Amino acid sequence: MKKSVNWTTFFQVLTLLLLLVGAAIVLLPLVIVVGSSLSEPSAVESSQLTLKNYQEAWQRGNFLLAFANSTFVALSVTAFQVITSALAGYALARLKFRGRQAIVLVVLATLVIPFQLLVVPIFLVLKWGHLLNSYWALILPTAVNGFGIFLLRQYFITIPVALEEAATIDGANRWQILTQIMLPLARPALVTLFLFTFIGEWNDLFKPLVFTTRPELRTVQLALAEFQEQFTSSWQLLMAAVVIATVPVVILFLLGQRQFIRGIATTGIKN
């Protein structure tokens, strides 16, 4: 007697194999970069691994100052975006006022405008305010972001209104409701916004390149670009520098991946 094929198990196995193949394709460049960064300059003749490339790349690239600048700028921009997005997102999700839907449409419209189109007016404003070649020039242009506002608005909409009504009956005001009820419940969305913003600012090369010229304001990506120009023939040092610049965001993502997945999965359930 022939056994019937369990199609559910078959598709589960097929899906798992496809995911493994996709993961291997995604991880292959990372494996090549890490492997190259650990190899000796004479890797063709020897398979010996070494960590000297990281030490040499760190010293030659002067990454300590760049790491400090990128950390400060990324954390500052992230703090501004989380605060402004939480306030604006809550107002657009819960407060009823004339023109609310129009403001939501304007926020969505800002998502399709490339930052490069705004460089000239932003540059002129920073020059008028004497903020060029300062940390403010790296922080203020992206201190407010439409994506963060829309993300938190959509998440706040998914939280039952009954919780706020119960808090109002207990005597809580809007600020207490936001800080003590809404924000703790919106932690996955906040972590998602934090990761998106911090990683985006850490990897940003455009703003430091356009708005600053002082060497003491170099960020990681600008230092990496300068390092690449100096050591184009030394692939081992270049790959080591790439790994050095990548490790912080990888660690940050691994620490917040669970909340990140929850934030992406639950945002936008309701319109």
C-alpha atoms as a PDB file:
ATOM      1  CA  MET A   1       0.000   0.000   0.000  1.00  0.00           C
ATOM      2  CA  LYS A   2       1.479   3.314  -1.080  1.00  0.00           C
ATOM      3  CA  LYS A   3       1.902   6.033   1.500  1.00  0.00           C
ATOM      4  CA  SER A   4       0.457   9.427   0.657  1.00  0.00           C
ATOM      5  CA  VAL A   5       2.898  12.313   0.321  1.00  0.00           C
ATOM      6  CA  ASN A   6       2.832  14.777   3.189  1.00  0.00           C
ATOM      7  CA  TRP A   7       2.808  17.962   1.155  1.00  0.00           C
ATOM      8  CA  THR A   8       2.953  20.172   4.233  1.00  0.00           C
ATOM      9  CA  THR A   9       6.232  18.623   5.352  1.00  0.00           C
ATOM     10  CA  PHE A  10       7.559  18.747   1.793  1.00  0.00           C
ATOM     11  CA  PHE A  11       6.899  22.484   1.448  1.00  0.00           C
ATOM     12  CA  GLN A  12       8.361  23.151   4.904  1.00  0.00           C
ATOM     13  CA  VAL A  13      11.574  21.349   3.948  1.00  0.00           C
ATOM     14  CA  LEU A  14      11.680  23.140   0.578  1.00  0.00           C
ATOM     15  CA  THR A  15      11.169  26.496   2.293  1.00  0.00           C
ATOM     16  CA  LEU A  16      13.948  25.730   4.765  1.00  0.00           C
ATOM     17  CA  LEU A  17      16.336  24.798   1.949  1.00  0.00           C
ATOM     18  CA  LEU A  18      15.532  27.994   0.061  1.00  0.00           C
ATOM     19  CA  LEU A  19      16.104  30.042   3.198  1.00  0.00           C
ATOM     20  CA  LEU A  20      19.445  28.310   3.797  1.00  0.00           C
ATOM     21  CA  VAL A  21      20.514  29.022   0.215  1.00  0.00           C
ATOM     22  CA  GLY A  22      19.440  32.658   0.577  1.00  0.00           C
ATOM     23  CA  ALA A  23      21.310  32.991   3.876  1.00  0.00           C
ATOM     24  CA  ALA A  24      24.436  31.495   2.300  1.00  0.00           C
ATOM     25  CA  ILE A  25      24.251  33.994  -0.586  1.00  0.00           C
ATOM     26  CA  VAL A  26      23.814  36.914   1.831  1.00  0.00           C
ATOM     27  CA  LEU A  27      26.604  35.780   4.167  1.00  0.00           C
ATOM     28  CA  LEU A  28      29.113  34.946   1.413  1.00  0.00           C
ATOM     29  CA  PRO A  29      30.384  38.555   0.973  1.00  0.00           C
ATOM     30  CA  LEU A  30      30.744  38.880   4.751  1.00  0.00           C
ATOM     31  CA  VAL A  31      32.749  35.651   4.922  1.00  0.00           C
ATOM     32  CA  ILE A  32      35.013  36.869   2.106  1.00  0.00           C
ATOM     33  CA  VAL A  33      35.576  40.238   3.829  1.00  0.00           C
ATOM     34  CA  VAL A  34      36.356  38.679   7.212  1.00  0.00           C
ATOM     35  CA  GLY A  35      38.563  36.020   5.643  1.00  0.00           C
ATOM     36  CA  SER A  36      40.511  38.608   3.678  1.00  0.00           C
ATOM     37  CA  SER A  37      40.960  40.793   6.755  1.00  0.00           C
ATOM     38  CA  LEU A  38      42.501  37.882   8.668  1.00  0.00           C
ATOM     39  CA  SER A  39      44.887  36.761   5.934  1.00  0.00           C
ATOM     40  CA  GLU A  40      48.574  37.555   5.610  1.00  0.00           C
ATOM     41  CA  PRO A  41      49.746  39.757   2.726  1.00  0.00           C
ATOM     42  CA  SER A  42      51.231  36.606   1.195  1.00  0.00           C
ATOM     43  CA  ALA A  43      47.947  34.704   1.502  1.00  0.00           C
ATOM     44  CA  VAL A  44      48.505  33.093  -1.885  1.00  0.00           C
ATOM     45  CA  GLU A  45      51.421  31.130  -0.496  1.00  0.00           C
ATOM     46  CA  SER A  46      50.206  30.734   3.124  1.00  0.00           C
ATOM     47  CA  SER A  47      46.860  30.092   4.810  1.00  0.00           C
ATOM     48  CA  GLN A  48      47.954  31.486   8.162  1.00  0.00           C
ATOM     49  CA  LEU A  49      45.473  33.844   9.853  1.00  0.00           C
ATOM     50  CA  THR A  50      46.464  36.952  11.772  1.00  0.00           C
ATOM     51  CA  LEU A  51      44.896  39.831  13.695  1.00  0.00           C
ATOM     52  CA  LYS A  52      47.731  42.245  12.898  1.00  0.00           C
ATOM     53  CA  ASN A  53      45.730  43.723  10.033  1.00  0.00           C
ATOM     54  CA  TYR A  54      43.139  45.080  12.471  1.00  0.00           C
ATOM     55  CA  GLN A  55      45.753  46.675  14.700  1.00  0.00           C
ATOM     56  CA  GLU A  56      47.530  48.257  11.750  1.00  0.00           C
ATOM     57  CA  ALA A  57      44.291  49.464  10.137  1.00  0.00           C
ATOM     58  CA  TRP A  58      43.100  50.968  13.430  1.00  0.00           C
ATOM     59  CA  GLN A  59      46.347  52.875  13.914  1.00  0.00           C
ATOM     60  CA  ARG A  60      46.793  54.055  10.345  1.00  0.00           C
ATOM     61  CA  GLY A  61      43.181  55.079   9.933  1.00  0.00           C
ATOM     62  CA  ASN A  62      42.970  56.949  13.262  1.00  0.00           C
ATOM     63  CA  PHE A  63      39.550  55.405  13.849  1.00  0.00           C
ATOM     64  CA  LEU A  64      39.337  56.283  17.546  1.00  0.00           C
ATOM     65  CA  LEU A  65      38.311  59.900  16.915  1.00  0.00           C
ATOM     66  CA  ALA A  66      36.075  58.837  14.024  1.00  0.00           C
ATOM     67  CA  PHE A  67      34.299  56.290  16.241  1.00  0.00           C
ATOM     68  CA  ALA A  68      33.733  58.914  18.928  1.00  0.00           C
ATOM     69  CA  ASN A  69      32.322  61.407  16.406  1.00  0.00           C
ATOM     70  CA  SER A  70      30.045  58.858  14.731  1.00  0.00           C
ATOM     71  CA  THR A  71      28.776  57.592  18.084  1.00  0.00           C
ATOM     72  CA  PHE A  72      28.001  61.098  19.316  1.00  0.00           C
ATOM     73  CA  VAL A  73      26.288  62.160  16.087  1.00  0.00           C
ATOM     74  CA  ALA A  74      24.321  58.927  15.687  1.00  0.00           C
ATOM     75  CA  LEU A  75      23.102  58.950  19.307  1.00  0.00           C
ATOM     76  CA  SER A  76      22.186  62.642  19.123  1.00  0.00           C
ATOM     77  CA  VAL A  77      20.213  62.285  15.896  1.00  0.00           C
ATOM     78  CA  THR A  78      18.544  59.127  17.217  1.00  0.00           C
ATOM     79  CA  ALA A  79      17.516  60.879  20.438  1.00  0.00           C
ATOM     80  CA  PHE A  80      16.046  63.820  18.509  1.00  0.00           C
ATOM     81  CA  GLN A  81      14.149  61.539  16.133  1.00  0.00           C
ATOM     82  CA  VAL A  82      12.753  59.300  18.873  1.00  0.00           C
ATOM     83  CA  ILE A  83      11.507  62.307  20.888  1.00  0.00           C
ATOM     84  CA  THR A  84      10.008  64.225  17.956  1.00  0.00           C
ATOM     85  CA  SER A  85       8.541  61.094  16.366  1.00  0.00           C
ATOM     86  CA  ALA A  86       6.930  59.996  19.641  1.00  0.00           C
ATOM     87  CA  LEU A  87       5.326  63.400  20.210  1.00  0.00           C
ATOM     88  CA  ALA A  88       4.178  63.917  16.626  1.00  0.00           C
ATOM     89  CA  GLY A  89       3.140  60.285  16.152  1.00  0.00           C
ATOM     90  CA  TYR A  90       0.977  60.321  19.280  1.00  0.00           C
ATOM     91  CA  ALA A  91      -0.646  63.615  18.304  1.00  0.00           C
ATOM     92  CA  LEU A  92      -1.490  62.336  14.813  1.00  0.00           C
ATOM     93  CA  ALA A  93      -2.773  59.025  16.166  1.00  0.00           C
ATOM     94  CA  ARG A  94      -4.907  60.193  19.091  1.00  0.00           C
ATOM     95  CA  LEU A  95      -5.583  63.941  19.060  1.00  0.00           C
ATOM     96  CA  LYS A  96      -8.482  65.106  16.920  1.00  0.00           C
ATOM     97  CA  PHE A  97      -7.961  68.458  15.250  1.00  0.00           C
ATOM     98  CA  ARG A  98      -8.655  70.070  11.914  1.00  0.00           C
ATOM     99  CA  GLY A  99      -6.092  69.251   9.230  1.00  0.00           C
ATOM    100  CA  ARG A 100      -4.758  66.095  10.884  1.00  0.00           C
ATOM    101  CA  GLN A 101      -5.126  63.952   7.759  1.00  0.00           C
ATOM    102  CA  ALA A 102      -3.485  66.652   5.658  1.00  0.00           C
ATOM    103  CA  ILE A 103      -0.495  66.660   8.010  1.00  0.00           C
ATOM    104  CA  VAL A 104      -0.271  62.867   7.733  1.00  0.00           C
ATOM    105  CA  LEU A 105      -0.205  63.192   3.939  1.00  0.00           C
ATOM    106  CA  VAL A 106       2.539  65.815   4.160  1.00  0.00           C
ATOM    107  CA  VAL A 107       4.566  63.512   6.426  1.00  0.00           C
ATOM    108  CA  LEU A 108       4.169  60.683   3.919  1.00  0.00           C
ATOM    109  CA  ALA A 109       5.124  63.003   1.065  1.00  0.00           C
ATOM    110  CA  THR A 110       8.445  63.795   2.742  1.00  0.00           C
ATOM    111  CA  LEU A 111       9.384  60.100   2.508  1.00  0.00           C
ATOM    112  CA  VAL A 112       9.640  60.273  -1.288  1.00  0.00           C
ATOM    113  CA  ILE A 113      11.904  63.347  -1.339  1.00  0.00           C
ATOM    114  CA  PRO A 114      15.593  62.360  -1.548  1.00  0.00           C
ATOM    115  CA  PHE A 115      17.788  64.094   0.982  1.00  0.00           C
ATOM    116  CA  GLN A 116      20.156  65.122  -1.823  1.00  0.00           C
ATOM    117  CA  LEU A 117      17.483  67.436  -3.259  1.00  0.00           C
ATOM    118  CA  LEU A 118      17.433  69.392   0.002  1.00  0.00           C
ATOM    119  CA  VAL A 119      21.187  69.806   0.338  1.00  0.00           C
ATOM    120  CA  VAL A 120      21.410  73.307  -1.146  1.00  0.00           C
ATOM    121  CA  PRO A 121      18.722  74.930   1.050  1.00  0.00           C
ATOM    122  CA  ILE A 122      19.992  73.069   4.124  1.00  0.00           C
ATOM    123  CA  PHE A 123      23.540  74.217   3.353  1.00  0.00           C
ATOM    124  CA  LEU A 124      22.379  77.827   3.028  1.00  0.00           C
ATOM    125  CA  VAL A 125      20.442  77.647   6.302  1.00  0.00           C
ATOM    126  CA  LEU A 126      23.432  76.178   8.137  1.00  0.00           C
ATOM    127  CA  LYS A 127      25.690  78.818   6.626  1.00  0.00           C
ATOM    128  CA  TRP A 128      23.272  81.569   7.643  1.00  0.00           C
ATOM    129  CA  GLY A 129      23.236  80.210  11.197  1.00  0.00           C
ATOM    130  CA  HIS A 130      27.042  79.825  11.270  1.00  0.00           C
ATOM    131  CA  LEU A 131      26.623  76.088  11.952  1.00  0.00           C
ATOM    132  CA  LEU A 132      28.816  74.688   9.172  1.00  0.00           C
ATOM    133  CA  ASN A 133      31.870  72.733  10.347  1.00  0.00           C
ATOM    134  CA  SER A 134      30.217  71.890  13.650  1.00  0.00           C
ATOM    135  CA  TYR A 135      28.415  68.937  15.194  1.00  0.00           C
ATOM    136  CA  TRP A 136      25.121  70.753  14.673  1.00  0.00           C
ATOM    137  CA  ALA A 137      25.665  70.540  10.912  1.00  0.00           C
ATOM    138  CA  LEU A 138      25.696  66.735  11.256  1.00  0.00           C
ATOM    139  CA  ILE A 139      22.756  66.530  13.675  1.00  0.00           C
ATOM    140  CA  LEU A 140      20.109  69.122  12.762  1.00  0.00           C
ATOM    141  CA  PRO A 141      19.473  68.197   9.076  1.00  0.00           C
ATOM    142  CA  THR A 142      18.103  64.777  10.103  1.00  0.00           C
ATOM    143  CA  ALA A 143      16.855  65.540  13.615  1.00  0.00           C
ATOM    144  CA  VAL A 144      13.247  65.090  12.442  1.00  0.00           C
ATOM    145  CA  ASN A 145      12.201  62.301  10.111  1.00  0.00           C
ATOM    146  CA  GLY A 146       8.850  61.523   8.502  1.00  0.00           C
ATOM    147  CA  PHE A 147       9.462  57.785   8.615  1.00  0.00           C
ATOM    148  CA  GLY A 148       9.752  57.801  12.408  1.00  0.00           C
ATOM    149  CA  ILE A 149       6.599  59.897  12.801  1.00  0.00           C
ATOM    150  CA  PHE A 150       4.587  57.597  10.548  1.00  0.00           C
ATOM    151  CA  LEU A 151       6.027  54.451  12.149  1.00  0.00           C
ATOM    152  CA  LEU A 152       5.049  55.473  15.682  1.00  0.00           C
ATOM    153  CA  ARG A 153       1.689  56.839  14.549  1.00  0.00           C
ATOM    154  CA  GLN A 154       0.819  53.469  13.035  1.00  0.00           C
ATOM    155  CA  TYR A 155       1.949  51.655  16.170  1.00  0.00           C
ATOM    156  CA  PHE A 156       0.013  53.965  18.500  1.00  0.00           C
ATOM    157  CA  ILE A 157      -3.128  53.287  16.447  1.00  0.00           C
ATOM    158  CA  THR A 158      -2.834  49.556  17.236  1.00  0.00           C
ATOM    159  CA  ILE A 159      -2.942  50.226  21.011  1.00  0.00           C
ATOM    160  CA  PRO A 160      -6.527  49.992  22.372  1.00  0.00           C
ATOM    161  CA  VAL A 161      -8.117  53.340  23.193  1.00  0.00           C
ATOM    162  CA  ALA A 162      -9.681  51.737  26.282  1.00  0.00           C
ATOM    163  CA  LEU A 163      -6.316  51.892  28.038  1.00  0.00           C
ATOM    164  CA  GLU A 164      -6.192  55.656  27.658  1.00  0.00           C
ATOM    165  CA  GLU A 165      -9.806  56.041  28.699  1.00  0.00           C
ATOM    166  CA  ALA A 166      -9.144  54.049  31.868  1.00  0.00           C
ATOM    167  CA  ALA A 167      -6.080  56.191  32.621  1.00  0.00           C
ATOM    168  CA  THR A 168      -8.105  59.362  32.037  1.00  0.00           C
ATOM    169  CA  ILE A 169     -10.732  58.182  34.517  1.00  0.00           C
ATOM    170  CA  ASP A 170      -7.929  57.634  37.037  1.00  0.00           C
ATOM    171  CA  GLY A 171      -6.887  61.252  36.590  1.00  0.00           C
ATOM    172  CA  ALA A 172      -3.946  60.915  34.184  1.00  0.00           C
ATOM    173  CA  ASN A 173      -3.255  63.749  31.750  1.00  0.00           C
ATOM    174  CA  ARG A 174      -2.047  63.442  28.158  1.00  0.00           C
ATOM    175  CA  TRP A 175       1.624  63.621  29.117  1.00  0.00           C
ATOM    176  CA  GLN A 176       1.262  60.898  31.726  1.00  0.00           C
ATOM    177  CA  ILE A 177      -0.653  58.707  29.288  1.00  0.00           C
ATOM    178  CA  LEU A 178       2.075  59.126  26.676  1.00  0.00           C
ATOM    179  CA  THR A 179       5.067  58.545  28.954  1.00  0.00           C
ATOM    180  CA  GLN A 180       3.648  55.912  31.309  1.00  0.00           C
ATOM    181  CA  ILE A 181       1.331  53.915  29.034  1.00  0.00           C
ATOM    182  CA  MET A 182       1.874  54.514  25.332  1.00  0.00           C
ATOM    183  CA  LEU A 183       5.670  54.632  25.170  1.00  0.00           C
ATOM    184  CA  PRO A 184       6.241  51.461  27.251  1.00  0.00           C
ATOM    185  CA  LEU A 185       3.733  49.609  25.054  1.00  0.00           C
ATOM    186  CA  ALA A 186       5.410  50.999  21.920  1.00  0.00           C
ATOM    187  CA  ARG A 187       8.867  49.729  22.883  1.00  0.00           C
ATOM    188  CA  PRO A 188       9.185  47.460  19.774  1.00  0.00           C
ATOM    189  CA  ALA A 189       8.477  50.424  17.480  1.00  0.00           C
ATOM    190  CA  LEU A 190      10.863  52.634  19.453  1.00  0.00           C
ATOM    191  CA  VAL A 191      13.638  50.036  19.197  1.00  0.00           C
ATOM    192  CA  THR A 192      12.926  49.697  15.466  1.00  0.00           C
ATOM    193  CA  LEU A 193      13.218  53.447  14.996  1.00  0.00           C
ATOM    194  CA  PHE A 194      16.370  53.521  17.127  1.00  0.00           C
ATOM    195  CA  LEU A 195      18.036  50.821  15.015  1.00  0.00           C
ATOM    196  CA  PHE A 196      17.028  52.328  11.684  1.00  0.00           C
ATOM    197  CA  THR A 197      18.176  55.795  12.703  1.00  0.00           C
ATOM    198  CA  PHE A 198      21.414  54.835  14.418  1.00  0.00           C
ATOM    199  CA  ILE A 199      22.532  52.510  11.621  1.00  0.00           C
ATOM    200  CA  GLY A 200      21.575  55.065   8.976  1.00  0.00           C
ATOM    201  CA  GLU A 201      23.539  57.813  10.704  1.00  0.00           C
ATOM    202  CA  TRP A 202      26.508  55.528  11.362  1.00  0.00           C
ATOM    203  CA  ASN A 203      26.696  54.616   7.673  1.00  0.00           C
ATOM    204  CA  ASP A 204      26.121  58.176   6.429  1.00  0.00           C
ATOM    205  CA  LEU A 205      28.917  59.615   4.331  1.00  0.00           C
ATOM    206  CA  PHE A 206      26.991  62.403   2.596  1.00  0.00           C
ATOM    207  CA  LYS A 207      26.505  64.890   5.456  1.00  0.00           C
ATOM    208  CA  PRO A 208      30.096  64.795   6.774  1.00  0.00           C
ATOM    209  CA  LEU A 209      31.371  65.164   3.236  1.00  0.00           C
ATOM    210  CA  VAL A 210      29.203  68.184   2.382  1.00  0.00           C
ATOM    211  CA  PHE A 211      28.755  70.064   5.655  1.00  0.00           C
ATOM    212  CA  THR A 212      32.181  69.655   7.306  1.00  0.00           C
ATOM    213  CA  THR A 213      35.811  70.128   6.347  1.00  0.00           C
ATOM    214  CA  ARG A 214      37.515  70.024   9.752  1.00  0.00           C
ATOM    215  CA  PRO A 215      39.565  66.832  10.326  1.00  0.00           C
ATOM    216  CA  GLU A 216      38.479  66.656  13.975  1.00  0.00           C
ATOM    217  CA  LEU A 217      34.860  66.145  12.815  1.00  0.00           C
ATOM    218  CA  ARG A 218      35.633  63.068  10.728  1.00  0.00           C
ATOM    219  CA  THR A 219      33.121  60.247  11.082  1.00  0.00           C
ATOM    220  CA  VAL A 220      33.720  56.523  10.570  1.00  0.00           C
ATOM    221  CA  GLN A 221      32.512  56.453   6.973  1.00  0.00           C
ATOM    222  CA  LEU A 222      34.595  59.492   6.021  1.00  0.00           C
ATOM    223  CA  ALA A 223      37.647  57.941   7.688  1.00  0.00           C
ATOM    224  CA  LEU A 224      36.947  54.699   5.828  1.00  0.00           C
ATOM    225  CA  ALA A 225      36.713  56.530   2.496  1.00  0.00           C
ATOM    226  CA  GLU A 226      40.030  58.287   3.146  1.00  0.00           C
ATOM    227  CA  PHE A 227      41.561  54.977   4.229  1.00  0.00           C
ATOM    228  CA  GLN A 228      40.409  53.370   0.992  1.00  0.00           C
ATOM    229  CA  GLU A 229      42.101  56.088  -1.065  1.00  0.00           C
ATOM    230  CA  GLN A 230      45.399  55.564   0.768  1.00  0.00           C
ATOM    231  CA  PHE A 231      45.472  51.757   0.846  1.00  0.00           C
ATOM    232  CA  THR A 232      43.779  50.669  -2.369  1.00  0.00           C
ATOM    233  CA  SER A 233      46.550  48.139  -3.030  1.00  0.00           C
ATOM    234  CA  SER A 234      46.449  46.582   0.448  1.00  0.00           C
ATOM    235  CA  TRP A 235      43.277  44.510   0.425  1.00  0.00           C
ATOM    236  CA  GLN A 236      43.960  42.955   3.819  1.00  0.00           C
ATOM    237  CA  LEU A 237      44.120  46.344   5.572  1.00  0.00           C
ATOM    238  CA  LEU A 238      41.120  47.659   3.642  1.00  0.00           C
ATOM    239  CA  MET A 239      38.974  44.649   4.555  1.00  0.00           C
ATOM    240  CA  ALA A 240      40.077  44.960   8.190  1.00  0.00           C
ATOM    241  CA  ALA A 241      38.990  48.609   8.182  1.00  0.00           C
ATOM    242  CA  VAL A 242      35.610  47.626   6.708  1.00  0.00           C
ATOM    243  CA  VAL A 243      35.085  45.037   9.460  1.00  0.00           C
ATOM    244  CA  ILE A 244      36.065  47.592  12.135  1.00  0.00           C
ATOM    245  CA  ALA A 245      33.475  50.040  10.798  1.00  0.00           C
ATOM    246  CA  THR A 246      30.781  47.347  10.560  1.00  0.00           C
ATOM    247  CA  VAL A 247      31.116  45.560  13.909  1.00  0.00           C
ATOM    248  CA  PRO A 248      29.300  48.184  16.084  1.00  0.00           C
ATOM    249  CA  VAL A 249      26.106  48.199  13.986  1.00  0.00           C
ATOM    250  CA  VAL A 250      26.092  44.396  13.738  1.00  0.00           C
ATOM    251  CA  ILE A 251      26.346  44.100  17.532  1.00  0.00           C
ATOM    252  CA  LEU A 252      23.626  46.716  17.974  1.00  0.00           C
ATOM    253  CA  PHE A 253      21.295  44.902  15.593  1.00  0.00           C
ATOM    254  CA  LEU A 254      21.882  41.536  17.266  1.00  0.00           C
ATOM    255  CA  LEU A 255      21.032  43.053  20.654  1.00  0.00           C
ATOM    256  CA  GLY A 256      17.782  44.584  19.417  1.00  0.00           C
ATOM    257  CA  GLN A 257      16.683  42.128  16.736  1.00  0.00           C
ATOM    258  CA  ARG A 258      13.809  40.620  18.751  1.00  0.00           C
ATOM    259  CA  GLN A 259      12.182  43.987  19.417  1.00  0.00           C
ATOM    260  CA  PHE A 260      12.992  45.026  15.835  1.00  0.00           C
ATOM    261  CA  ILE A 261      11.090  42.035  14.405  1.00  0.00           C
ATOM    262  CA  ARG A 262       8.136  42.685  16.712  1.00  0.00           C
ATOM    263  CA  GLY A 263       8.063  46.334  15.719  1.00  0.00           C
ATOM    264  CA  ILE A 264       8.065  45.553  12.003  1.00  0.00           C
ATOM    265  CA  ALA A 265       5.502  42.742  12.366  1.00  0.00           C
ATOM    266  CA  THR A 266       2.951  44.708  14.403  1.00  0.00           C
ATOM    267  CA  THR A 267       3.243  48.199  12.887  1.00  0.00           C
ATOM    268  CA  GLY A 268       0.544  49.177  10.421  1.00  0.00           C
ATOM    269  CA  ILE A 269      -2.023  46.499  11.348  1.00  0.00           C
ATOM    270  CA  LYS A 270      -4.723  49.180  11.567  1.00  0.00           C
ATOM    271  CA  ASN A 271      -5.210  52.147   9.295  1.00  0.00           C
END
